[in-house]
Amino acid sequence: MKARPRSGAILSLTGGGMAARFSTEVLCALQGMRDPAYRPGTPGRSIGQAFDVLAGTSAGALVIAALLCGKAPPDISALLESRGPRIFPRSGWQGRLRWIFGAKYAPEPLHDAVDEVLGGGKPVLGDFEQILAFPAFDESLGVPLVLTNANPAHARVPLRDAVLASAAAPS
């Protein structure tokens, strides 16, 4: 992790499936307030760079990963709009039955969205200047854990794995 001056700004995003679109819309507004000249697609000027600590759970972890990879809030919102219904389908009786016997959602659509966000890159938590935190659950020990680049033992954890682990918390 590289050192940088700290302002103490923290961005923490919750999960909630498609509710993450609300977070992206708030980020769009913050981006416009911070930099009125900003236009989507402007390289090197993402709102994510304004924060010293970025934390995300589940869908919020996906949004944090997108910011870290330089995606603009409108692009993240569009990603959730297009991929969200496949990642977080409405539950009918089949969804409730799936939840009883396994995962609430099929993992493939989320994996595809994370891969799109990463754009073929394979960043690890230690690659980023900001402090990152992704709450997850260690099923083998039955305890919660936080994957963070503030812990040297997590520096080589792939960002992809941290996002997927955060989205896989048991219910």
C-alpha atoms as a PDB file:
ATOM      1  CA  MET A   1       0.000   0.000   0.000  1.00  0.00           C
ATOM      2  CA  LYS A   2       1.404   3.377  -1.035  1.00  0.00           C
ATOM      3  CA  ALA A   3       1.345   6.306   1.379  1.00  0.00           C
ATOM      4  CA  ARG A   4      -0.654   9.415   0.524  1.00  0.00           C
ATOM      5  CA  PRO A   5      -1.872  12.463   2.431  1.00  0.00           C
ATOM      6  CA  ARG A   6      -5.041  11.705   4.369  1.00  0.00           C
ATOM      7  CA  SER A   7      -8.103  13.889   4.672  1.00  0.00           C
ATOM      8  CA  GLY A   8     -10.139  11.338   6.620  1.00  0.00           C
ATOM      9  CA  ALA A   9     -12.858  10.972   3.977  1.00  0.00           C
ATOM     10  CA  ILE A  10     -14.670   7.616   4.174  1.00  0.00           C
ATOM     11  CA  LEU A  11     -17.022   6.033   1.655  1.00  0.00           C
ATOM     12  CA  SER A  12     -18.992   3.083   2.971  1.00  0.00           C
ATOM     13  CA  LEU A  13     -21.613   1.401   0.780  1.00  0.00           C
ATOM     14  CA  THR A  14     -24.077  -1.237   1.886  1.00  0.00           C
ATOM     15  CA  GLY A  15     -25.465  -4.108  -0.098  1.00  0.00           C
ATOM     16  CA  GLY A  16     -29.102  -4.569  -0.858  1.00  0.00           C
ATOM     17  CA  GLY A  17     -29.033  -5.830  -4.418  1.00  0.00           C
ATOM     18  CA  MET A  18     -30.532  -3.331  -6.821  1.00  0.00           C
ATOM     19  CA  ALA A  19     -30.648  -0.730  -4.038  1.00  0.00           C
ATOM     20  CA  ALA A  20     -26.967  -0.195  -4.911  1.00  0.00           C
ATOM     21  CA  ARG A  21     -28.244   1.909  -7.836  1.00  0.00           C
ATOM     22  CA  PHE A  22     -29.308   4.464  -5.238  1.00  0.00           C
ATOM     23  CA  SER A  23     -25.681   4.604  -4.067  1.00  0.00           C
ATOM     24  CA  THR A  24     -24.473   5.152  -7.622  1.00  0.00           C
ATOM     25  CA  GLU A  25     -26.953   7.998  -8.114  1.00  0.00           C
ATOM     26  CA  VAL A  26     -25.718   9.653  -4.907  1.00  0.00           C
ATOM     27  CA  LEU A  27     -22.148   9.224  -6.172  1.00  0.00           C
ATOM     28  CA  CYS A  28     -23.171  10.886  -9.452  1.00  0.00           C
ATOM     29  CA  ALA A  29     -24.451  13.887  -7.491  1.00  0.00           C
ATOM     30  CA  LEU A  30     -21.310  14.004  -5.331  1.00  0.00           C
ATOM     31  CA  GLN A  31     -19.139  13.817  -8.433  1.00  0.00           C
ATOM     32  CA  GLY A  32     -20.972  16.814  -9.901  1.00  0.00           C
ATOM     33  CA  MET A  33     -20.689  18.797  -6.654  1.00  0.00           C
ATOM     34  CA  ARG A  34     -16.985  18.037  -6.289  1.00  0.00           C
ATOM     35  CA  ASP A  35     -16.085  18.774  -9.891  1.00  0.00           C
ATOM     36  CA  PRO A  36     -18.728  20.724 -11.850  1.00  0.00           C
ATOM     37  CA  ALA A  37     -16.610  20.424 -15.021  1.00  0.00           C
ATOM     38  CA  TYR A  38     -16.626  16.620 -14.761  1.00  0.00           C
ATOM     39  CA  ARG A  39     -18.071  14.685 -17.660  1.00  0.00           C
ATOM     40  CA  PRO A  40     -18.505  10.877 -17.600  1.00  0.00           C
ATOM     41  CA  GLY A  41     -15.531   9.168 -19.168  1.00  0.00           C
ATOM     42  CA  THR A  42     -13.052  11.851 -18.069  1.00  0.00           C
ATOM     43  CA  PRO A  43      -9.976   9.822 -17.115  1.00  0.00           C
ATOM     44  CA  GLY A  44      -8.340  10.272 -13.736  1.00  0.00           C
ATOM     45  CA  ARG A  45     -11.144  12.295 -12.145  1.00  0.00           C
ATOM     46  CA  SER A  46     -13.354   9.696 -10.471  1.00  0.00           C
ATOM     47  CA  ILE A  47     -15.098  10.539  -7.204  1.00  0.00           C
ATOM     48  CA  GLY A  48     -13.533   7.380  -5.763  1.00  0.00           C
ATOM     49  CA  GLN A  49     -10.190   9.183  -5.584  1.00  0.00           C
ATOM     50  CA  ALA A  50     -11.644  11.681  -3.097  1.00  0.00           C
ATOM     51  CA  PHE A  51     -11.864   9.086  -0.331  1.00  0.00           C
ATOM     52  CA  ASP A  52      -9.145   7.718   1.924  1.00  0.00           C
ATOM     53  CA  VAL A  53     -11.156   4.694   3.047  1.00  0.00           C
ATOM     54  CA  LEU A  54     -13.521   2.745   0.812  1.00  0.00           C
ATOM     55  CA  ALA A  55     -15.669  -0.020   2.258  1.00  0.00           C
ATOM     56  CA  GLY A  56     -18.396  -2.035   0.608  1.00  0.00           C
ATOM     57  CA  THR A  57     -20.617  -4.985   1.371  1.00  0.00           C
ATOM     58  CA  SER A  58     -22.159  -7.204  -1.324  1.00  0.00           C
ATOM     59  CA  ALA A  59     -23.496  -4.964  -4.115  1.00  0.00           C
ATOM     60  CA  GLY A  60     -21.723  -2.069  -2.385  1.00  0.00           C
ATOM     61  CA  ALA A  61     -18.454  -4.001  -2.779  1.00  0.00           C
ATOM     62  CA  LEU A  62     -19.115  -4.229  -6.519  1.00  0.00           C
ATOM     63  CA  VAL A  63     -19.609  -0.454  -6.677  1.00  0.00           C
ATOM     64  CA  ILE A  64     -16.402   0.140  -4.676  1.00  0.00           C
ATOM     65  CA  ALA A  65     -14.469  -2.178  -7.023  1.00  0.00           C
ATOM     66  CA  ALA A  66     -15.818  -0.281 -10.024  1.00  0.00           C
ATOM     67  CA  LEU A  67     -14.674   3.043  -8.518  1.00  0.00           C
ATOM     68  CA  LEU A  68     -11.246   1.575  -7.787  1.00  0.00           C
ATOM     69  CA  CYS A  69     -10.983   0.457 -11.404  1.00  0.00           C
ATOM     70  CA  GLY A  70     -11.700   3.993 -12.618  1.00  0.00           C
ATOM     71  CA  LYS A  71     -15.345   3.592 -13.557  1.00  0.00           C
ATOM     72  CA  ALA A  72     -17.481   6.718 -13.358  1.00  0.00           C
ATOM     73  CA  PRO A  73     -20.677   6.643 -11.266  1.00  0.00           C
ATOM     74  CA  PRO A  74     -22.975   6.936 -14.335  1.00  0.00           C
ATOM     75  CA  ASP A  75     -21.211   3.934 -15.887  1.00  0.00           C
ATOM     76  CA  ILE A  76     -21.585   1.939 -12.667  1.00  0.00           C
ATOM     77  CA  SER A  77     -25.262   2.857 -12.528  1.00  0.00           C
ATOM     78  CA  ALA A  78     -25.673   1.697 -16.147  1.00  0.00           C
ATOM     79  CA  LEU A  79     -23.904  -1.572 -15.314  1.00  0.00           C
ATOM     80  CA  LEU A  80     -26.290  -2.221 -12.433  1.00  0.00           C
ATOM     81  CA  GLU A  81     -29.255  -1.264 -14.601  1.00  0.00           C
ATOM     82  CA  SER A  82     -28.266  -3.690 -17.362  1.00  0.00           C
ATOM     83  CA  ARG A  83     -26.875  -6.576 -15.296  1.00  0.00           C
ATOM     84  CA  GLY A  84     -28.815  -6.123 -12.066  1.00  0.00           C
ATOM     85  CA  PRO A  85     -31.934  -8.085 -13.034  1.00  0.00           C
ATOM     86  CA  ARG A  86     -29.741 -11.110 -13.826  1.00  0.00           C
ATOM     87  CA  ILE A  87     -27.607 -10.712 -10.687  1.00  0.00           C
ATOM     88  CA  PHE A  88     -30.566 -10.080  -8.375  1.00  0.00           C
ATOM     89  CA  PRO A  89     -33.645 -11.651  -9.990  1.00  0.00           C
ATOM     90  CA  ARG A  90     -37.016 -11.210  -8.339  1.00  0.00           C
ATOM     91  CA  SER A  91     -37.797 -14.211  -6.185  1.00  0.00           C
ATOM     92  CA  GLY A  92     -40.798 -16.338  -6.983  1.00  0.00           C
ATOM     93  CA  TRP A  93     -41.376 -19.755  -5.509  1.00  0.00           C
ATOM     94  CA  GLN A  94     -38.307 -21.057  -7.385  1.00  0.00           C
ATOM     95  CA  GLY A  95     -36.100 -18.406  -5.789  1.00  0.00           C
ATOM     96  CA  ARG A  96     -37.392 -19.224  -2.315  1.00  0.00           C
ATOM     97  CA  LEU A  97     -36.831 -22.920  -2.962  1.00  0.00           C
ATOM     98  CA  ARG A  98     -33.279 -22.205  -4.151  1.00  0.00           C
ATOM     99  CA  TRP A  99     -32.617 -20.168  -0.991  1.00  0.00           C
ATOM    100  CA  ILE A 100     -33.706 -23.063   1.231  1.00  0.00           C
ATOM    101  CA  PHE A 101     -31.325 -25.492  -0.454  1.00  0.00           C
ATOM    102  CA  GLY A 102     -28.451 -23.248  -1.474  1.00  0.00           C
ATOM    103  CA  ALA A 103     -27.482 -19.749  -2.527  1.00  0.00           C
ATOM    104  CA  LYS A 104     -30.196 -17.129  -2.904  1.00  0.00           C
ATOM    105  CA  TYR A 105     -28.858 -16.106  -6.332  1.00  0.00           C
ATOM    106  CA  ALA A 106     -26.925 -17.899  -9.066  1.00  0.00           C
ATOM    107  CA  PRO A 107     -23.256 -16.823  -8.827  1.00  0.00           C
ATOM    108  CA  GLU A 108     -22.453 -16.584 -12.560  1.00  0.00           C
ATOM    109  CA  PRO A 109     -24.126 -13.202 -13.272  1.00  0.00           C
ATOM    110  CA  LEU A 110     -22.263 -11.603 -10.355  1.00  0.00           C
ATOM    111  CA  HIS A 111     -18.972 -13.151 -11.475  1.00  0.00           C
ATOM    112  CA  ASP A 112     -19.547 -11.747 -14.968  1.00  0.00           C
ATOM    113  CA  ALA A 113     -20.306  -8.265 -13.590  1.00  0.00           C
ATOM    114  CA  VAL A 114     -17.172  -8.275 -11.419  1.00  0.00           C
ATOM    115  CA  ASP A 115     -15.084  -9.396 -14.405  1.00  0.00           C
ATOM    116  CA  GLU A 116     -16.576  -6.559 -16.493  1.00  0.00           C
ATOM    117  CA  VAL A 117     -15.719  -4.043 -13.762  1.00  0.00           C
ATOM    118  CA  LEU A 118     -12.136  -5.320 -13.580  1.00  0.00           C
ATOM    119  CA  GLY A 119     -11.798  -5.087 -17.358  1.00  0.00           C
ATOM    120  CA  GLY A 120      -9.456  -8.055 -17.592  1.00  0.00           C
ATOM    121  CA  GLY A 121      -7.171  -6.715 -14.877  1.00  0.00           C
ATOM    122  CA  LYS A 122      -6.181  -8.735 -11.840  1.00  0.00           C
ATOM    123  CA  PRO A 123      -5.592  -6.122  -9.132  1.00  0.00           C
ATOM    124  CA  VAL A 124      -4.931  -7.175  -5.553  1.00  0.00           C
ATOM    125  CA  LEU A 125      -5.912  -5.219  -2.443  1.00  0.00           C
ATOM    126  CA  GLY A 126      -2.332  -4.070  -1.892  1.00  0.00           C
ATOM    127  CA  ASP A 127      -2.300  -2.295  -5.277  1.00  0.00           C
ATOM    128  CA  PHE A 128      -4.451   0.561  -3.996  1.00  0.00           C
ATOM    129  CA  GLU A 129      -3.492   3.713  -2.082  1.00  0.00           C
ATOM    130  CA  GLN A 130      -6.765   4.030  -0.231  1.00  0.00           C
ATOM    131  CA  ILE A 131      -7.602   1.781   2.699  1.00  0.00           C
ATOM    132  CA  LEU A 132     -10.092  -0.832   1.524  1.00  0.00           C
ATOM    133  CA  ALA A 133     -12.481  -2.935   3.600  1.00  0.00           C
ATOM    134  CA  PHE A 134     -14.746  -5.739   2.407  1.00  0.00           C
ATOM    135  CA  PRO A 135     -16.720  -7.502   5.152  1.00  0.00           C
ATOM    136  CA  ALA A 136     -17.118 -11.220   4.510  1.00  0.00           C
ATOM    137  CA  PHE A 137     -17.738 -14.450   6.381  1.00  0.00           C
ATOM    138  CA  ASP A 138     -15.213 -17.241   6.924  1.00  0.00           C
ATOM    139  CA  GLU A 139     -17.418 -20.305   6.590  1.00  0.00           C
ATOM    140  CA  SER A 140     -14.668 -22.701   7.649  1.00  0.00           C
ATOM    141  CA  LEU A 141     -14.291 -20.942  11.023  1.00  0.00           C
ATOM    142  CA  GLY A 142     -17.863 -19.656  11.248  1.00  0.00           C
ATOM    143  CA  VAL A 143     -16.737 -16.087  11.930  1.00  0.00           C
ATOM    144  CA  PRO A 144     -16.992 -12.748  10.154  1.00  0.00           C
ATOM    145  CA  LEU A 145     -13.834 -11.222   8.725  1.00  0.00           C
ATOM    146  CA  VAL A 146     -12.850  -8.025   6.975  1.00  0.00           C
ATOM    147  CA  LEU A 147     -10.636  -8.315   3.929  1.00  0.00           C
ATOM    148  CA  THR A 148      -8.540  -5.151   4.016  1.00  0.00           C
ATOM    149  CA  ASN A 149      -5.278  -3.902   2.604  1.00  0.00           C
ATOM    150  CA  ALA A 150      -4.619  -2.413   6.061  1.00  0.00           C
ATOM    151  CA  ASN A 151      -3.797  -5.993   7.067  1.00  0.00           C
ATOM    152  CA  PRO A 152      -0.507  -7.011   5.391  1.00  0.00           C
ATOM    153  CA  ALA A 153      -1.751 -10.609   5.264  1.00  0.00           C
ATOM    154  CA  HIS A 154      -4.494  -9.501   2.841  1.00  0.00           C
ATOM    155  CA  ALA A 155      -2.311  -7.433   0.498  1.00  0.00           C
ATOM    156  CA  ARG A 156      -2.179 -10.214  -2.119  1.00  0.00           C
ATOM    157  CA  VAL A 157      -5.932 -10.982  -1.998  1.00  0.00           C
ATOM    158  CA  PRO A 158      -7.364 -10.372  -5.470  1.00  0.00           C
ATOM    159  CA  LEU A 159      -9.935  -7.571  -5.569  1.00  0.00           C
ATOM    160  CA  ARG A 160     -12.225  -9.984  -7.441  1.00  0.00           C
ATOM    161  CA  ASP A 161     -12.097 -12.476  -4.564  1.00  0.00           C
ATOM    162  CA  ALA A 162     -12.734  -9.772  -1.951  1.00  0.00           C
ATOM    163  CA  VAL A 163     -15.846  -8.559  -3.793  1.00  0.00           C
ATOM    164  CA  LEU A 164     -17.182 -12.073  -4.324  1.00  0.00           C
ATOM    165  CA  ALA A 165     -16.495 -13.016  -0.689  1.00  0.00           C
ATOM    166  CA  SER A 166     -18.359  -9.939   0.501  1.00  0.00           C
ATOM    167  CA  ALA A 167     -21.333 -10.828  -1.681  1.00  0.00           C
ATOM    168  CA  ALA A 168     -21.399 -14.424  -0.418  1.00  0.00           C
ATOM    169  CA  ALA A 169     -22.248 -13.791   3.237  1.00  0.00           C
ATOM    170  CA  PRO A 170     -24.623 -16.458   4.532  1.00  0.00           C
ATOM    171  CA  SER A 171     -28.186 -15.528   5.350  1.00  0.00           C
END
